[in-house]
Amino acid sequence: MTALMYGNIPVPYSAAWTAEDGFFIAPCPYANGLNALHQKSSPAQGRPTFAKPHMNRQRESLFKGLCDICACQMRNRTKVSMSEERWTDVLGVKMPLVVEPLCCRSCARIALAQCPHLQRQIKSGQIVVRQVYKYDVVCSQLTGDATMEFAGIYAPGTIGHLKMRLRKSAIRSLDWIMEEA
């Protein structure tokens, strides 16, 4: 699969589009069949909203191990994370998690060249590039206020985005990304 484009800019598979407003709660196959916040699906309709991952495609990407940019299976590919780890409470346990799906090394190059957020992190020296060897996927639950805001239903415990706990990874340089694999 190739990345969706907006003009000449590649759009991550998990990015939401402006025509995808509209949320509802239903069981999700990518969240162990639990009730999850779902989003209307109309990829490539309207404008991409890069900072807002689409609920369903984000969960699908993490569950199936798809590259965030090209949506290809990453089973035998080099996996890269450029996401900030955030300490999150999961069932009473604080752990560092990332929400953005991994990307393959060649798509990581594209993201670094095109993404204004990553370019700002590079400029400020805040970017952390990780080669990921092992990770777990964790279901995160929304508050009732969050489900009310999105879907108009008070349903605490509904699954939102999946999160990833990086179990084994190595910090790499920007030069490493640019090297041919």
C-alpha atoms as a PDB file:
ATOM      1  CA  MET A   1       0.000   0.000   0.000  1.00  0.00           C
ATOM      2  CA  THR A   2       1.289   3.495  -0.718  1.00  0.00           C
ATOM      3  CA  ALA A   3       0.766   6.511   1.485  1.00  0.00           C
ATOM      4  CA  LEU A   4      -2.216   8.758   0.863  1.00  0.00           C
ATOM      5  CA  MET A   5      -1.186  12.140  -0.473  1.00  0.00           C
ATOM      6  CA  TYR A   6      -2.417  15.656   0.179  1.00  0.00           C
ATOM      7  CA  GLY A   7      -0.969  17.596  -2.713  1.00  0.00           C
ATOM      8  CA  ASN A   8       2.658  16.446  -2.691  1.00  0.00           C
ATOM      9  CA  ILE A   9       2.722  15.647   1.044  1.00  0.00           C
ATOM     10  CA  PRO A  10       2.408  12.028   2.204  1.00  0.00           C
ATOM     11  CA  VAL A  11      -0.255  11.607   4.879  1.00  0.00           C
ATOM     12  CA  PRO A  12       0.141   8.951   7.582  1.00  0.00           C
ATOM     13  CA  TYR A  13      -2.328   6.084   7.341  1.00  0.00           C
ATOM     14  CA  SER A  14      -3.517   6.805  10.889  1.00  0.00           C
ATOM     15  CA  ALA A  15      -4.130  10.538  10.323  1.00  0.00           C
ATOM     16  CA  ALA A  16      -7.730  11.729  10.550  1.00  0.00           C
ATOM     17  CA  TRP A  17      -9.265  13.853   7.800  1.00  0.00           C
ATOM     18  CA  THR A  18     -11.664  16.784   8.240  1.00  0.00           C
ATOM     19  CA  ALA A  19     -14.542  14.771   6.674  1.00  0.00           C
ATOM     20  CA  GLU A  20     -14.196  12.192   9.445  1.00  0.00           C
ATOM     21  CA  ASP A  21     -16.042  14.074  12.176  1.00  0.00           C
ATOM     22  CA  GLY A  22     -18.566  11.927  13.957  1.00  0.00           C
ATOM     23  CA  PHE A  23     -17.920   9.464  16.772  1.00  0.00           C
ATOM     24  CA  PHE A  24     -19.816   6.525  18.246  1.00  0.00           C
ATOM     25  CA  ILE A  25     -19.147   3.721  20.716  1.00  0.00           C
ATOM     26  CA  ALA A  26     -19.117   0.072  19.640  1.00  0.00           C
ATOM     27  CA  PRO A  27     -17.046  -3.097  20.174  1.00  0.00           C
ATOM     28  CA  CYS A  28     -13.636  -2.996  18.467  1.00  0.00           C
ATOM     29  CA  PRO A  29     -11.789  -6.040  17.100  1.00  0.00           C
ATOM     30  CA  TYR A  30      -8.466  -4.250  17.678  1.00  0.00           C
ATOM     31  CA  ALA A  31      -9.247  -3.708  21.386  1.00  0.00           C
ATOM     32  CA  ASN A  32     -10.099  -7.271  22.398  1.00  0.00           C
ATOM     33  CA  GLY A  33     -13.755  -6.747  21.426  1.00  0.00           C
ATOM     34  CA  LEU A  34     -14.198  -4.103  24.144  1.00  0.00           C
ATOM     35  CA  ASN A  35     -16.314  -1.022  23.595  1.00  0.00           C
ATOM     36  CA  ALA A  36     -14.204   1.637  21.931  1.00  0.00           C
ATOM     37  CA  LEU A  37     -14.644   5.114  20.534  1.00  0.00           C
ATOM     38  CA  HIS A  38     -15.070   4.752  16.759  1.00  0.00           C
ATOM     39  CA  GLN A  39     -14.811   7.478  14.178  1.00  0.00           C
ATOM     40  CA  LYS A  40     -16.484   7.971  10.805  1.00  0.00           C
ATOM     41  CA  SER A  41     -14.174   6.716   8.031  1.00  0.00           C
ATOM     42  CA  SER A  42     -13.605   8.887   4.948  1.00  0.00           C
ATOM     43  CA  PRO A  43      -9.832   8.838   4.314  1.00  0.00           C
ATOM     44  CA  ALA A  44      -8.574  11.378   1.751  1.00  0.00           C
ATOM     45  CA  GLN A  45     -11.776  13.437   2.070  1.00  0.00           C
ATOM     46  CA  GLY A  46     -11.205  17.036   3.118  1.00  0.00           C
ATOM     47  CA  ARG A  47      -7.860  17.990   4.692  1.00  0.00           C
ATOM     48  CA  PRO A  48      -5.650  15.794   6.871  1.00  0.00           C
ATOM     49  CA  THR A  49      -5.477  16.650  10.562  1.00  0.00           C
ATOM     50  CA  PHE A  50      -1.953  15.398  11.219  1.00  0.00           C
ATOM     51  CA  ALA A  51      -2.004  15.912  14.987  1.00  0.00           C
ATOM     52  CA  LYS A  52      -5.209  13.894  15.473  1.00  0.00           C
ATOM     53  CA  PRO A  53      -4.917  10.172  14.785  1.00  0.00           C
ATOM     54  CA  HIS A  54      -8.085   8.511  13.475  1.00  0.00           C
ATOM     55  CA  MET A  55      -9.441   6.298  16.259  1.00  0.00           C
ATOM     56  CA  ASN A  56      -9.998   3.143  14.211  1.00  0.00           C
ATOM     57  CA  ARG A  57      -6.931   3.344  11.943  1.00  0.00           C
ATOM     58  CA  GLN A  58      -4.643   4.133  14.896  1.00  0.00           C
ATOM     59  CA  ARG A  59      -5.852   1.030  16.764  1.00  0.00           C
ATOM     60  CA  GLU A  60      -5.635  -1.070  13.588  1.00  0.00           C
ATOM     61  CA  SER A  61      -2.050   0.108  12.927  1.00  0.00           C
ATOM     62  CA  LEU A  62      -0.836  -0.826  16.400  1.00  0.00           C
ATOM     63  CA  PHE A  63      -2.791  -4.097  16.562  1.00  0.00           C
ATOM     64  CA  LYS A  64      -1.649  -5.323  13.118  1.00  0.00           C
ATOM     65  CA  GLY A  65       1.874  -3.845  13.262  1.00  0.00           C
ATOM     66  CA  LEU A  66       1.410  -1.556  10.250  1.00  0.00           C
ATOM     67  CA  CYS A  67       3.749   1.277   9.268  1.00  0.00           C
ATOM     68  CA  ASP A  68       2.140   4.601  10.195  1.00  0.00           C
ATOM     69  CA  ILE A  69       2.958   6.121   6.804  1.00  0.00           C
ATOM     70  CA  CYS A  70       2.576   3.426   4.125  1.00  0.00           C
ATOM     71  CA  ALA A  71       0.401   0.970   6.154  1.00  0.00           C
ATOM     72  CA  CYS A  72       2.602  -1.969   5.099  1.00  0.00           C
ATOM     73  CA  GLN A  73       3.111  -4.896   7.451  1.00  0.00           C
ATOM     74  CA  MET A  74       6.330  -4.318   9.432  1.00  0.00           C
ATOM     75  CA  ARG A  75       6.977  -7.895  10.543  1.00  0.00           C
ATOM     76  CA  ASN A  76      10.421  -8.145   8.859  1.00  0.00           C
ATOM     77  CA  ARG A  77      11.212  -4.445   8.559  1.00  0.00           C
ATOM     78  CA  THR A  78      13.233  -2.114  10.773  1.00  0.00           C
ATOM     79  CA  LYS A  79      10.775  -0.494  13.174  1.00  0.00           C
ATOM     80  CA  VAL A  80      11.286   3.159  14.135  1.00  0.00           C
ATOM     81  CA  SER A  81       9.657   5.323  16.798  1.00  0.00           C
ATOM     82  CA  MET A  82      10.091   9.092  16.867  1.00  0.00           C
ATOM     83  CA  SER A  83       7.308   9.555  19.418  1.00  0.00           C
ATOM     84  CA  GLU A  84       7.693  11.087  22.818  1.00  0.00           C
ATOM     85  CA  GLU A  85       7.200   8.608  25.635  1.00  0.00           C
ATOM     86  CA  ARG A  86       4.615   9.833  28.121  1.00  0.00           C
ATOM     87  CA  TRP A  87       4.170   8.372  31.580  1.00  0.00           C
ATOM     88  CA  THR A  88       0.610   7.069  31.729  1.00  0.00           C
ATOM     89  CA  ASP A  89      -1.439   5.314  34.399  1.00  0.00           C
ATOM     90  CA  VAL A  90      -2.635   1.901  33.184  1.00  0.00           C
ATOM     91  CA  LEU A  91      -4.763   0.067  35.737  1.00  0.00           C
ATOM     92  CA  GLY A  92      -2.922   1.787  38.581  1.00  0.00           C
ATOM     93  CA  VAL A  93       0.578   1.247  37.152  1.00  0.00           C
ATOM     94  CA  LYS A  94       2.581   4.194  35.761  1.00  0.00           C
ATOM     95  CA  MET A  95       4.475   3.292  32.597  1.00  0.00           C
ATOM     96  CA  PRO A  96       6.081   5.137  29.658  1.00  0.00           C
ATOM     97  CA  LEU A  97       3.876   4.780  26.571  1.00  0.00           C
ATOM     98  CA  VAL A  98       3.713   6.142  23.018  1.00  0.00           C
ATOM     99  CA  VAL A  99       0.521   6.634  21.000  1.00  0.00           C
ATOM    100  CA  GLU A 100       1.851   7.063  17.455  1.00  0.00           C
ATOM    101  CA  PRO A 101       2.265   3.831  15.476  1.00  0.00           C
ATOM    102  CA  LEU A 102       5.758   2.784  14.461  1.00  0.00           C
ATOM    103  CA  CYS A 103       7.033   3.415  10.971  1.00  0.00           C
ATOM    104  CA  CYS A 104       9.473   1.598   8.744  1.00  0.00           C
ATOM    105  CA  ARG A 105      12.896   3.127   8.269  1.00  0.00           C
ATOM    106  CA  SER A 106      12.278   4.399   4.725  1.00  0.00           C
ATOM    107  CA  CYS A 107       9.023   6.086   5.805  1.00  0.00           C
ATOM    108  CA  ALA A 108      10.810   7.548   8.864  1.00  0.00           C
ATOM    109  CA  ARG A 109      13.058   9.411   6.399  1.00  0.00           C
ATOM    110  CA  ILE A 110       9.973  10.826   4.679  1.00  0.00           C
ATOM    111  CA  ALA A 111       8.415  11.845   8.003  1.00  0.00           C
ATOM    112  CA  LEU A 112      11.595  13.624   9.109  1.00  0.00           C
ATOM    113  CA  ALA A 113      11.714  15.551   5.823  1.00  0.00           C
ATOM    114  CA  GLN A 114       7.996  16.477   5.718  1.00  0.00           C
ATOM    115  CA  CYS A 115       6.650  16.752   9.281  1.00  0.00           C
ATOM    116  CA  PRO A 116       6.855  20.276  10.776  1.00  0.00           C
ATOM    117  CA  HIS A 117       6.522  18.876  14.333  1.00  0.00           C
ATOM    118  CA  LEU A 118       9.516  16.547  13.845  1.00  0.00           C
ATOM    119  CA  GLN A 119      11.499  19.327  12.158  1.00  0.00           C
ATOM    120  CA  ARG A 120      10.897  21.583  15.193  1.00  0.00           C
ATOM    121  CA  GLN A 121      12.096  18.749  17.465  1.00  0.00           C
ATOM    122  CA  ILE A 122      15.242  18.336  15.352  1.00  0.00           C
ATOM    123  CA  LYS A 123      15.929  22.080  15.451  1.00  0.00           C
ATOM    124  CA  SER A 124      15.471  22.224  19.242  1.00  0.00           C
ATOM    125  CA  GLY A 125      17.512  19.057  19.818  1.00  0.00           C
ATOM    126  CA  GLN A 126      14.501  17.317  21.370  1.00  0.00           C
ATOM    127  CA  ILE A 127      14.042  14.519  18.824  1.00  0.00           C
ATOM    128  CA  VAL A 128      14.574  10.960  20.021  1.00  0.00           C
ATOM    129  CA  VAL A 129      14.836   8.305  17.322  1.00  0.00           C
ATOM    130  CA  ARG A 130      14.475   4.725  18.512  1.00  0.00           C
ATOM    131  CA  GLN A 131      14.936   1.451  16.693  1.00  0.00           C
ATOM    132  CA  VAL A 132      12.283  -0.765  18.263  1.00  0.00           C
ATOM    133  CA  TYR A 133      12.903  -4.470  18.745  1.00  0.00           C
ATOM    134  CA  LYS A 134      10.070  -5.435  21.070  1.00  0.00           C
ATOM    135  CA  TYR A 135       6.880  -3.755  22.266  1.00  0.00           C
ATOM    136  CA  ASP A 136       3.495  -4.444  23.849  1.00  0.00           C
ATOM    137  CA  VAL A 137       0.185  -2.881  22.901  1.00  0.00           C
ATOM    138  CA  VAL A 138      -1.942  -1.550  25.783  1.00  0.00           C
ATOM    139  CA  CYS A 139      -5.616  -0.500  25.741  1.00  0.00           C
ATOM    140  CA  SER A 140      -6.140   2.917  27.299  1.00  0.00           C
ATOM    141  CA  GLN A 141      -9.498   3.887  28.718  1.00  0.00           C
ATOM    142  CA  LEU A 142     -11.277   7.195  28.347  1.00  0.00           C
ATOM    143  CA  THR A 143     -13.083   9.089  31.067  1.00  0.00           C
ATOM    144  CA  GLY A 144     -16.839   9.575  30.918  1.00  0.00           C
ATOM    145  CA  ASP A 145     -16.234  13.269  30.224  1.00  0.00           C
ATOM    146  CA  ALA A 146     -14.115  12.378  27.162  1.00  0.00           C
ATOM    147  CA  THR A 147     -16.745  10.031  25.711  1.00  0.00           C
ATOM    148  CA  MET A 148     -19.396  12.671  26.388  1.00  0.00           C
ATOM    149  CA  GLU A 149     -17.320  15.266  24.500  1.00  0.00           C
ATOM    150  CA  PHE A 150     -16.720  13.027  21.478  1.00  0.00           C
ATOM    151  CA  ALA A 151     -19.792  10.781  21.226  1.00  0.00           C
ATOM    152  CA  GLY A 152     -22.382  12.498  23.426  1.00  0.00           C
ATOM    153  CA  ILE A 153     -22.578   9.435  25.696  1.00  0.00           C
ATOM    154  CA  TYR A 154     -21.227   9.150  29.232  1.00  0.00           C
ATOM    155  CA  ALA A 155     -19.314   5.852  29.061  1.00  0.00           C
ATOM    156  CA  PRO A 156     -16.235   5.797  31.311  1.00  0.00           C
ATOM    157  CA  GLY A 157     -13.851   2.931  30.582  1.00  0.00           C
ATOM    158  CA  THR A 158     -14.424   3.035  26.818  1.00  0.00           C
ATOM    159  CA  ILE A 159     -11.229   2.318  24.887  1.00  0.00           C
ATOM    160  CA  GLY A 160      -9.654   5.279  23.071  1.00  0.00           C
ATOM    161  CA  HIS A 161      -6.375   5.016  21.200  1.00  0.00           C
ATOM    162  CA  LEU A 162      -4.163   2.013  21.798  1.00  0.00           C
ATOM    163  CA  LYS A 163      -0.776   2.782  23.322  1.00  0.00           C
ATOM    164  CA  MET A 164       2.569   1.080  22.956  1.00  0.00           C
ATOM    165  CA  ARG A 165       5.048   0.206  25.671  1.00  0.00           C
ATOM    166  CA  LEU A 166       8.507  -0.083  24.153  1.00  0.00           C
ATOM    167  CA  ARG A 167      10.064  -3.163  25.777  1.00  0.00           C
ATOM    168  CA  LYS A 168      13.376  -3.205  23.922  1.00  0.00           C
ATOM    169  CA  SER A 169      14.728  -0.365  21.810  1.00  0.00           C
ATOM    170  CA  ALA A 170      17.940   1.471  20.994  1.00  0.00           C
ATOM    171  CA  ILE A 171      18.351   5.219  20.587  1.00  0.00           C
ATOM    172  CA  ARG A 172      19.722   5.990  17.120  1.00  0.00           C
ATOM    173  CA  SER A 173      21.141   9.110  15.481  1.00  0.00           C
ATOM    174  CA  LEU A 174      19.490  11.055  12.685  1.00  0.00           C
ATOM    175  CA  ASP A 175      22.368   9.873  10.480  1.00  0.00           C
ATOM    176  CA  TRP A 176      21.306   6.268  11.131  1.00  0.00           C
ATOM    177  CA  ILE A 177      17.836   7.015   9.675  1.00  0.00           C
ATOM    178  CA  MET A 178      19.389   8.454   6.541  1.00  0.00           C
ATOM    179  CA  GLU A 179      21.663   5.461   5.921  1.00  0.00           C
ATOM    180  CA  GLU A 180      20.366   2.910   3.464  1.00  0.00           C
ATOM    181  CA  ALA A 181      19.215  -0.234   5.251  1.00  0.00           C
END
